Structure formats: structure tokens, C-alpha cells
Amino acid sequence: MKKFAWLIVLAFSINTAFADNSLDSSVEQLQHEWAKANYQTPKDGQEAAFKALSEQAHQVSAANPGHAEPLIWEAIILSGYAKAKGGLGALKIAEQSRDLLLAAEKINPQALNGSAYTTLGSLHYKVPGWPIGFGDKKKARAYLEKAVQMNPTGIDPNYFYGDFLMEQGEYAKAAEYFKKALEAPPRPGREDADQGRRAEVQQALEKAKQHG
């Protein structure tokens, strides 16, 4: 009986590891497809690219209930879709992104180094405020500060917090965070995203210096 029980535990462990590896592979694919849509696709083709990718991301989320990572990436992709679409039609997509991030936060706020807070912050300062949308500058600042606190050397939280600060006219402080973003350690397997993001950070830093 002990041997039989041990075999059950072993089989469960193997199945769990296989499921985790499958999820990791799916998330990695979404990451690369997002980088392609965001940085390598012409502007007039981004809406269609993000729409198709959002459908793919939803399939990954649906196949992995109870996991925060695919929800976060579905939300990030929907955020890109909303940006590419623009106008009032983008608001509903942005709301879907926000709701997925809040759901991911309940599952695991630490997932992907607190990436849910980075995207929540960016949504809250990019989306119009009441009565049109849910945008809220105070919430944006709070989310982004939390994101930086959780991942102080990360390129994304430092970039988006800097971008928010620049939008608020806090150019000198924004430049500090852009510099931190440029000093961020490379992310293994995310070279395509790092290259595109660093170019954005460099442009933003030059803009902040012009106003400083």
C-alpha cells in the first residue's frame, strides 16, 4: 500500500510539473507574440494583431484556471489592443483588461514580480477619467509606486512610473526612473521586449531632459 501511495504521489508530481511547463511555454509564446505585435508590427496592422493575440491569450487563461500569470498576460495584450484601437470603442477593452488584473491580484499579487500593478497603473493614467472612463491619477500613482516597490530594478515598472510622472509634469523625477529603467538587468528570454522597451525609455528620457 505504501508503494502504491508513493506511485500516486509521483504521478501527481509529474502531472503537475508537466502542467506547469506547459503553462510556462504558453506564457512565453504570448510574451514573444506581444513583443512582435507591439514593436515589429506597423501601426496600421497593430489592431488586428492584438485582437488575434487577445483571443489566443484568452484560450491560455481558460485552459489554466486559478493561475495569475495567463490572466496578467491576457490583460497586457488587451491593453495593447485598446491602445491600437483607440477611441470610445477601446474603453470596454480597457475595462476587460482591468478586471483581469484585479482577478489576477486576488490569486497571486506577487505573480510576474507584481506586473499586475504596473499594468493597472498604466491603465489608470491612460484611460480617461469619470464620467467617460475609469481613469484615476491617484490610483495610477499608488499602483505604479507599488509596482516599483515590488520590482525596484525592473525595466517596466520604472519606465511606466517615469512616464506617469512626466505626464504629471514631474520631469526631473521622471528622468530618475527612466535612468533606472535603462539600468535594469536583461530579462532572459525577453530580449525582443527589452530591445523595444529600451528604445522607448531612451526617447522618454530625452524628452524629460528637454523639459528639465
C-alpha atoms as a PDB file:
ATOM      1  CA  MET A   1       0.000   0.000   0.000  1.00  0.00           C
ATOM      2  CA  LYS A   2       2.845   2.401   0.840  1.00  0.00           C
ATOM      3  CA  LYS A   3       4.447   1.716  -2.528  1.00  0.00           C
ATOM      4  CA  PHE A   4       1.109   2.266  -4.263  1.00  0.00           C
ATOM      5  CA  ALA A   5       0.592   5.547  -2.419  1.00  0.00           C
ATOM      6  CA  TRP A   6       4.110   6.672  -3.347  1.00  0.00           C
ATOM      7  CA  LEU A   7       3.398   5.928  -7.013  1.00  0.00           C
ATOM      8  CA  ILE A   8       0.240   8.065  -6.839  1.00  0.00           C
ATOM      9  CA  VAL A   9       2.201  10.980  -5.344  1.00  0.00           C
ATOM     10  CA  LEU A  10       4.903  10.571  -8.003  1.00  0.00           C
ATOM     11  CA  ALA A  11       2.337  10.506 -10.806  1.00  0.00           C
ATOM     12  CA  PHE A  12       0.659  13.619  -9.389  1.00  0.00           C
ATOM     13  CA  SER A  13       4.019  15.407  -9.162  1.00  0.00           C
ATOM     14  CA  ILE A  14       4.862  14.523 -12.762  1.00  0.00           C
ATOM     15  CA  ASN A  15       1.452  15.710 -13.985  1.00  0.00           C
ATOM     16  CA  THR A  16       1.774  18.951 -12.020  1.00  0.00           C
ATOM     17  CA  ALA A  17       5.258  19.595 -13.397  1.00  0.00           C
ATOM     18  CA  PHE A  18       4.028  18.886 -16.922  1.00  0.00           C
ATOM     19  CA  ALA A  19       1.120  21.292 -16.454  1.00  0.00           C
ATOM     20  CA  ASP A  20       3.448  23.990 -15.103  1.00  0.00           C
ATOM     21  CA  ASN A  21       5.873  23.517 -18.001  1.00  0.00           C
ATOM     22  CA  SER A  22       3.004  23.703 -20.478  1.00  0.00           C
ATOM     23  CA  LEU A  23       1.741  26.929 -18.886  1.00  0.00           C
ATOM     24  CA  ASP A  24       5.241  28.449 -18.861  1.00  0.00           C
ATOM     25  CA  SER A  25       5.636  27.620 -22.548  1.00  0.00           C
ATOM     26  CA  SER A  26       2.261  29.160 -23.395  1.00  0.00           C
ATOM     27  CA  VAL A  27       3.044  32.329 -21.449  1.00  0.00           C
ATOM     28  CA  GLU A  28       6.458  32.625 -23.116  1.00  0.00           C
ATOM     29  CA  GLN A  29       4.795  32.356 -26.513  1.00  0.00           C
ATOM     30  CA  LEU A  30       2.354  35.132 -25.582  1.00  0.00           C
ATOM     31  CA  GLN A  31       5.271  37.297 -24.461  1.00  0.00           C
ATOM     32  CA  HIS A  32       7.062  36.911 -27.785  1.00  0.00           C
ATOM     33  CA  GLU A  33       3.892  37.457 -29.815  1.00  0.00           C
ATOM     34  CA  TRP A  34       3.168  40.599 -27.772  1.00  0.00           C
ATOM     35  CA  ALA A  35       6.668  41.956 -28.481  1.00  0.00           C
ATOM     36  CA  LYS A  36       6.141  41.238 -32.171  1.00  0.00           C
ATOM     37  CA  ALA A  37       2.758  43.000 -32.223  1.00  0.00           C
ATOM     38  CA  ASN A  38       3.965  45.939 -30.146  1.00  0.00           C
ATOM     39  CA  TYR A  39       7.391  46.616 -31.634  1.00  0.00           C
ATOM     40  CA  GLN A  40       7.623  44.911 -35.015  1.00  0.00           C
ATOM     41  CA  THR A  41       4.141  45.352 -36.487  1.00  0.00           C
ATOM     42  CA  PRO A  42       3.303  48.526 -38.461  1.00  0.00           C
ATOM     43  CA  LYS A  43       0.847  50.853 -36.715  1.00  0.00           C
ATOM     44  CA  ASP A  44      -1.926  50.139 -39.211  1.00  0.00           C
ATOM     45  CA  GLY A  45      -1.667  46.427 -38.515  1.00  0.00           C
ATOM     46  CA  GLN A  46      -1.453  46.505 -34.732  1.00  0.00           C
ATOM     47  CA  GLU A  47      -5.179  46.486 -34.001  1.00  0.00           C
ATOM     48  CA  ALA A  48      -5.718  43.258 -35.942  1.00  0.00           C
ATOM     49  CA  ALA A  49      -2.563  41.702 -34.476  1.00  0.00           C
ATOM     50  CA  PHE A  50      -3.564  42.457 -30.889  1.00  0.00           C
ATOM     51  CA  LYS A  51      -7.153  41.325 -31.480  1.00  0.00           C
ATOM     52  CA  ALA A  52      -5.978  37.932 -32.735  1.00  0.00           C
ATOM     53  CA  LEU A  53      -3.440  37.652 -29.924  1.00  0.00           C
ATOM     54  CA  SER A  54      -6.055  38.526 -27.281  1.00  0.00           C
ATOM     55  CA  GLU A  55      -8.159  35.585 -28.463  1.00  0.00           C
ATOM     56  CA  GLN A  56      -5.126  33.312 -28.189  1.00  0.00           C
ATOM     57  CA  ALA A  57      -4.364  34.654 -24.714  1.00  0.00           C
ATOM     58  CA  HIS A  58      -7.931  34.020 -23.577  1.00  0.00           C
ATOM     59  CA  GLN A  59      -7.612  30.379 -24.593  1.00  0.00           C
ATOM     60  CA  VAL A  60      -4.498  30.079 -22.416  1.00  0.00           C
ATOM     61  CA  SER A  61      -6.270  31.700 -19.455  1.00  0.00           C
ATOM     62  CA  ALA A  62      -9.333  29.499 -19.862  1.00  0.00           C
ATOM     63  CA  ALA A  63      -7.171  26.372 -20.003  1.00  0.00           C
ATOM     64  CA  ASN A  64      -5.328  27.354 -16.799  1.00  0.00           C
ATOM     65  CA  PRO A  65      -7.892  28.494 -14.222  1.00  0.00           C
ATOM     66  CA  GLY A  66      -6.538  29.583 -10.880  1.00  0.00           C
ATOM     67  CA  HIS A  67      -3.256  30.887 -12.349  1.00  0.00           C
ATOM     68  CA  ALA A  68      -2.472  34.604 -12.267  1.00  0.00           C
ATOM     69  CA  GLU A  69       0.197  34.643 -14.999  1.00  0.00           C
ATOM     70  CA  PRO A  70      -2.027  33.990 -18.044  1.00  0.00           C
ATOM     71  CA  LEU A  71      -4.609  36.462 -16.721  1.00  0.00           C
ATOM     72  CA  ILE A  72      -1.917  39.140 -16.456  1.00  0.00           C
ATOM     73  CA  TRP A  73      -0.711  38.488 -19.984  1.00  0.00           C
ATOM     74  CA  GLU A  74      -4.225  38.460 -21.381  1.00  0.00           C
ATOM     75  CA  ALA A  75      -4.711  41.828 -19.675  1.00  0.00           C
ATOM     76  CA  ILE A  76      -1.433  43.232 -21.042  1.00  0.00           C
ATOM     77  CA  ILE A  77      -2.417  42.141 -24.552  1.00  0.00           C
ATOM     78  CA  LEU A  78      -5.900  43.636 -24.169  1.00  0.00           C
ATOM     79  CA  SER A  79      -4.272  46.880 -23.028  1.00  0.00           C
ATOM     80  CA  GLY A  80      -2.242  46.907 -26.238  1.00  0.00           C
ATOM     81  CA  TYR A  81      -5.387  46.143 -28.220  1.00  0.00           C
ATOM     82  CA  ALA A  82      -7.202  49.063 -26.590  1.00  0.00           C
ATOM     83  CA  LYS A  83      -4.302  51.414 -27.368  1.00  0.00           C
ATOM     84  CA  ALA A  84      -4.170  50.292 -31.006  1.00  0.00           C
ATOM     85  CA  LYS A  85      -7.947  50.556 -31.418  1.00  0.00           C
ATOM     86  CA  GLY A  86      -8.321  53.965 -29.776  1.00  0.00           C
ATOM     87  CA  GLY A  87     -11.479  55.996 -29.328  1.00  0.00           C
ATOM     88  CA  LEU A  88     -14.510  55.138 -27.232  1.00  0.00           C
ATOM     89  CA  GLY A  89     -14.501  51.595 -28.594  1.00  0.00           C
ATOM     90  CA  ALA A  90     -11.289  50.959 -26.674  1.00  0.00           C
ATOM     91  CA  LEU A  91     -12.848  51.670 -23.271  1.00  0.00           C
ATOM     92  CA  LYS A  92     -14.654  48.351 -22.977  1.00  0.00           C
ATOM     93  CA  ILE A  93     -11.449  46.518 -23.874  1.00  0.00           C
ATOM     94  CA  ALA A  94      -9.548  48.512 -21.246  1.00  0.00           C
ATOM     95  CA  GLU A  95     -12.202  47.605 -18.672  1.00  0.00           C
ATOM     96  CA  GLN A  96     -11.770  43.921 -19.508  1.00  0.00           C
ATOM     97  CA  SER A  97      -8.021  44.325 -19.008  1.00  0.00           C
ATOM     98  CA  ARG A  98      -8.527  45.981 -15.625  1.00  0.00           C
ATOM     99  CA  ASP A  99     -10.931  43.284 -14.442  1.00  0.00           C
ATOM    100  CA  LEU A 100      -8.493  40.510 -15.408  1.00  0.00           C
ATOM    101  CA  LEU A 101      -5.710  42.227 -13.480  1.00  0.00           C
ATOM    102  CA  LEU A 102      -7.865  42.573 -10.376  1.00  0.00           C
ATOM    103  CA  ALA A 103      -8.720  38.878 -10.652  1.00  0.00           C
ATOM    104  CA  ALA A 104      -5.016  38.019 -11.005  1.00  0.00           C
ATOM    105  CA  GLU A 105      -4.204  40.145  -7.951  1.00  0.00           C
ATOM    106  CA  LYS A 106      -6.632  38.090  -5.855  1.00  0.00           C
ATOM    107  CA  ILE A 107      -4.970  34.866  -6.989  1.00  0.00           C
ATOM    108  CA  ASN A 108      -1.339  35.941  -6.544  1.00  0.00           C
ATOM    109  CA  PRO A 109      -0.309  39.598  -6.193  1.00  0.00           C
ATOM    110  CA  GLN A 110       3.355  38.555  -6.423  1.00  0.00           C
ATOM    111  CA  ALA A 111       2.964  36.913  -9.847  1.00  0.00           C
ATOM    112  CA  LEU A 112       5.444  38.070 -12.506  1.00  0.00           C
ATOM    113  CA  ASN A 113       7.120  40.385  -9.975  1.00  0.00           C
ATOM    114  CA  GLY A 114       3.946  42.389  -9.421  1.00  0.00           C
ATOM    115  CA  SER A 115       3.322  43.047 -13.119  1.00  0.00           C
ATOM    116  CA  ALA A 116      -0.411  43.353 -12.463  1.00  0.00           C
ATOM    117  CA  TYR A 117       0.261  46.615 -10.617  1.00  0.00           C
ATOM    118  CA  THR A 118       2.362  48.018 -13.455  1.00  0.00           C
ATOM    119  CA  THR A 119      -0.429  47.457 -15.963  1.00  0.00           C
ATOM    120  CA  LEU A 120      -3.163  48.604 -13.570  1.00  0.00           C
ATOM    121  CA  GLY A 121      -1.203  51.799 -13.025  1.00  0.00           C
ATOM    122  CA  SER A 122      -0.703  52.434 -16.719  1.00  0.00           C
ATOM    123  CA  LEU A 123      -4.383  51.824 -17.446  1.00  0.00           C
ATOM    124  CA  HIS A 124      -5.497  54.254 -14.751  1.00  0.00           C
ATOM    125  CA  TYR A 125      -3.471  57.144 -16.131  1.00  0.00           C
ATOM    126  CA  LYS A 126      -4.016  56.438 -19.820  1.00  0.00           C
ATOM    127  CA  VAL A 127      -7.782  55.796 -19.706  1.00  0.00           C
ATOM    128  CA  PRO A 128      -9.997  58.919 -19.435  1.00  0.00           C
ATOM    129  CA  GLY A 129     -11.485  59.642 -16.043  1.00  0.00           C
ATOM    130  CA  TRP A 130     -15.100  59.910 -14.945  1.00  0.00           C
ATOM    131  CA  PRO A 131     -17.666  60.228 -16.484  1.00  0.00           C
ATOM    132  CA  ILE A 132     -16.135  58.705 -19.625  1.00  0.00           C
ATOM    133  CA  GLY A 133     -13.867  56.016 -18.198  1.00  0.00           C
ATOM    134  CA  PHE A 134     -12.333  54.626 -15.015  1.00  0.00           C
ATOM    135  CA  GLY A 135      -9.087  56.594 -15.225  1.00  0.00           C
ATOM    136  CA  ASP A 136      -7.831  57.875 -11.873  1.00  0.00           C
ATOM    137  CA  LYS A 137      -4.465  59.602 -11.418  1.00  0.00           C
ATOM    138  CA  LYS A 138      -4.326  58.902  -7.662  1.00  0.00           C
ATOM    139  CA  LYS A 139      -4.912  55.195  -8.209  1.00  0.00           C
ATOM    140  CA  ALA A 140      -2.387  55.219 -11.048  1.00  0.00           C
ATOM    141  CA  ARG A 141       0.299  56.674  -8.798  1.00  0.00           C
ATOM    142  CA  ALA A 142      -0.481  54.221  -5.994  1.00  0.00           C
ATOM    143  CA  TYR A 143      -0.383  51.196  -8.313  1.00  0.00           C
ATOM    144  CA  LEU A 144       2.836  52.287 -10.001  1.00  0.00           C
ATOM    145  CA  GLU A 145       4.573  53.054  -6.717  1.00  0.00           C
ATOM    146  CA  LYS A 146       3.607  49.585  -5.522  1.00  0.00           C
ATOM    147  CA  ALA A 147       4.918  48.065  -8.758  1.00  0.00           C
ATOM    148  CA  VAL A 148       8.289  49.800  -8.316  1.00  0.00           C
ATOM    149  CA  GLN A 149       8.408  48.750  -4.678  1.00  0.00           C
ATOM    150  CA  MET A 150       7.863  45.114  -5.634  1.00  0.00           C
ATOM    151  CA  ASN A 151      10.298  45.162  -8.553  1.00  0.00           C
ATOM    152  CA  PRO A 152      12.682  48.083  -7.958  1.00  0.00           C
ATOM    153  CA  THR A 153      15.153  47.153 -10.704  1.00  0.00           C
ATOM    154  CA  GLY A 154      12.591  46.148 -13.338  1.00  0.00           C
ATOM    155  CA  ILE A 155      12.536  47.950 -16.666  1.00  0.00           C
ATOM    156  CA  ASP A 156       8.744  48.049 -16.997  1.00  0.00           C
ATOM    157  CA  PRO A 157       7.705  49.441 -13.588  1.00  0.00           C
ATOM    158  CA  ASN A 158      10.415  52.113 -13.725  1.00  0.00           C
ATOM    159  CA  TYR A 159       9.515  53.085 -17.287  1.00  0.00           C
ATOM    160  CA  PHE A 160       5.779  53.351 -16.673  1.00  0.00           C
ATOM    161  CA  TYR A 161       6.203  55.210 -13.387  1.00  0.00           C
ATOM    162  CA  GLY A 162       8.555  57.616 -15.157  1.00  0.00           C
ATOM    163  CA  ASP A 163       6.063  58.037 -17.991  1.00  0.00           C
ATOM    164  CA  PHE A 164       3.301  58.791 -15.494  1.00  0.00           C
ATOM    165  CA  LEU A 165       5.478  61.322 -13.674  1.00  0.00           C
ATOM    166  CA  MET A 166       6.363  63.044 -16.930  1.00  0.00           C
ATOM    167  CA  GLU A 167       2.689  63.283 -17.813  1.00  0.00           C
ATOM    168  CA  GLN A 168       2.169  64.998 -14.437  1.00  0.00           C
ATOM    169  CA  GLY A 169       4.910  67.494 -15.233  1.00  0.00           C
ATOM    170  CA  GLU A 170       7.393  65.973 -12.739  1.00  0.00           C
ATOM    171  CA  TYR A 171      10.206  65.866 -15.306  1.00  0.00           C
ATOM    172  CA  ALA A 172      13.230  65.654 -13.022  1.00  0.00           C
ATOM    173  CA  LYS A 173      11.747  62.778 -11.023  1.00  0.00           C
ATOM    174  CA  ALA A 174      10.620  61.094 -14.237  1.00  0.00           C
ATOM    175  CA  ALA A 175      14.185  61.216 -15.557  1.00  0.00           C
ATOM    176  CA  GLU A 176      15.403  59.406 -12.431  1.00  0.00           C
ATOM    177  CA  TYR A 177      13.089  56.474 -13.103  1.00  0.00           C
ATOM    178  CA  PHE A 178      13.893  56.390 -16.811  1.00  0.00           C
ATOM    179  CA  LYS A 179      17.577  56.084 -15.871  1.00  0.00           C
ATOM    180  CA  LYS A 180      16.724  53.220 -13.508  1.00  0.00           C
ATOM    181  CA  ALA A 181      14.822  51.551 -16.340  1.00  0.00           C
ATOM    182  CA  LEU A 182      17.869  51.786 -18.611  1.00  0.00           C
ATOM    183  CA  GLU A 183      19.991  50.215 -15.861  1.00  0.00           C
ATOM    184  CA  ALA A 184      17.572  47.289 -15.471  1.00  0.00           C
ATOM    185  CA  PRO A 185      19.162  43.845 -15.813  1.00  0.00           C
ATOM    186  CA  PRO A 186      18.323  41.986 -19.020  1.00  0.00           C
ATOM    187  CA  ARG A 187      15.464  39.510 -18.828  1.00  0.00           C
ATOM    188  CA  PRO A 188      16.449  36.051 -20.104  1.00  0.00           C
ATOM    189  CA  GLY A 189      14.211  35.064 -22.982  1.00  0.00           C
ATOM    190  CA  ARG A 190      12.749  38.576 -23.257  1.00  0.00           C
ATOM    191  CA  GLU A 191      15.436  40.093 -25.480  1.00  0.00           C
ATOM    192  CA  ASP A 192      12.883  41.211 -28.074  1.00  0.00           C
ATOM    193  CA  ALA A 193      10.810  43.047 -25.462  1.00  0.00           C
ATOM    194  CA  ASP A 194      13.883  44.535 -23.768  1.00  0.00           C
ATOM    195  CA  GLN A 195      15.177  45.964 -27.030  1.00  0.00           C
ATOM    196  CA  GLY A 196      11.885  47.662 -27.828  1.00  0.00           C
ATOM    197  CA  ARG A 197      11.328  48.917 -24.298  1.00  0.00           C
ATOM    198  CA  ARG A 198      14.848  50.359 -24.001  1.00  0.00           C
ATOM    199  CA  ALA A 199      14.271  52.367 -27.169  1.00  0.00           C
ATOM    200  CA  GLU A 200      11.062  53.756 -25.641  1.00  0.00           C
ATOM    201  CA  VAL A 201      12.843  54.583 -22.384  1.00  0.00           C
ATOM    202  CA  GLN A 202      15.656  56.379 -24.191  1.00  0.00           C
ATOM    203  CA  GLN A 203      13.197  58.525 -26.142  1.00  0.00           C
ATOM    204  CA  ALA A 204      11.262  59.322 -22.979  1.00  0.00           C
ATOM    205  CA  LEU A 205      14.439  60.245 -21.112  1.00  0.00           C
ATOM    206  CA  GLU A 206      15.470  62.683 -23.859  1.00  0.00           C
ATOM    207  CA  LYS A 207      12.019  64.266 -23.687  1.00  0.00           C
ATOM    208  CA  ALA A 208      12.215  64.589 -19.902  1.00  0.00           C
ATOM    209  CA  LYS A 209      15.664  66.223 -20.152  1.00  0.00           C
ATOM    210  CA  GLN A 210      14.327  68.787 -22.631  1.00  0.00           C
ATOM    211  CA  HIS A 211      11.773  69.896 -20.053  1.00  0.00           C
ATOM    212  CA  GLY A 212      14.160  69.645 -17.102  1.00  0.00           C
END
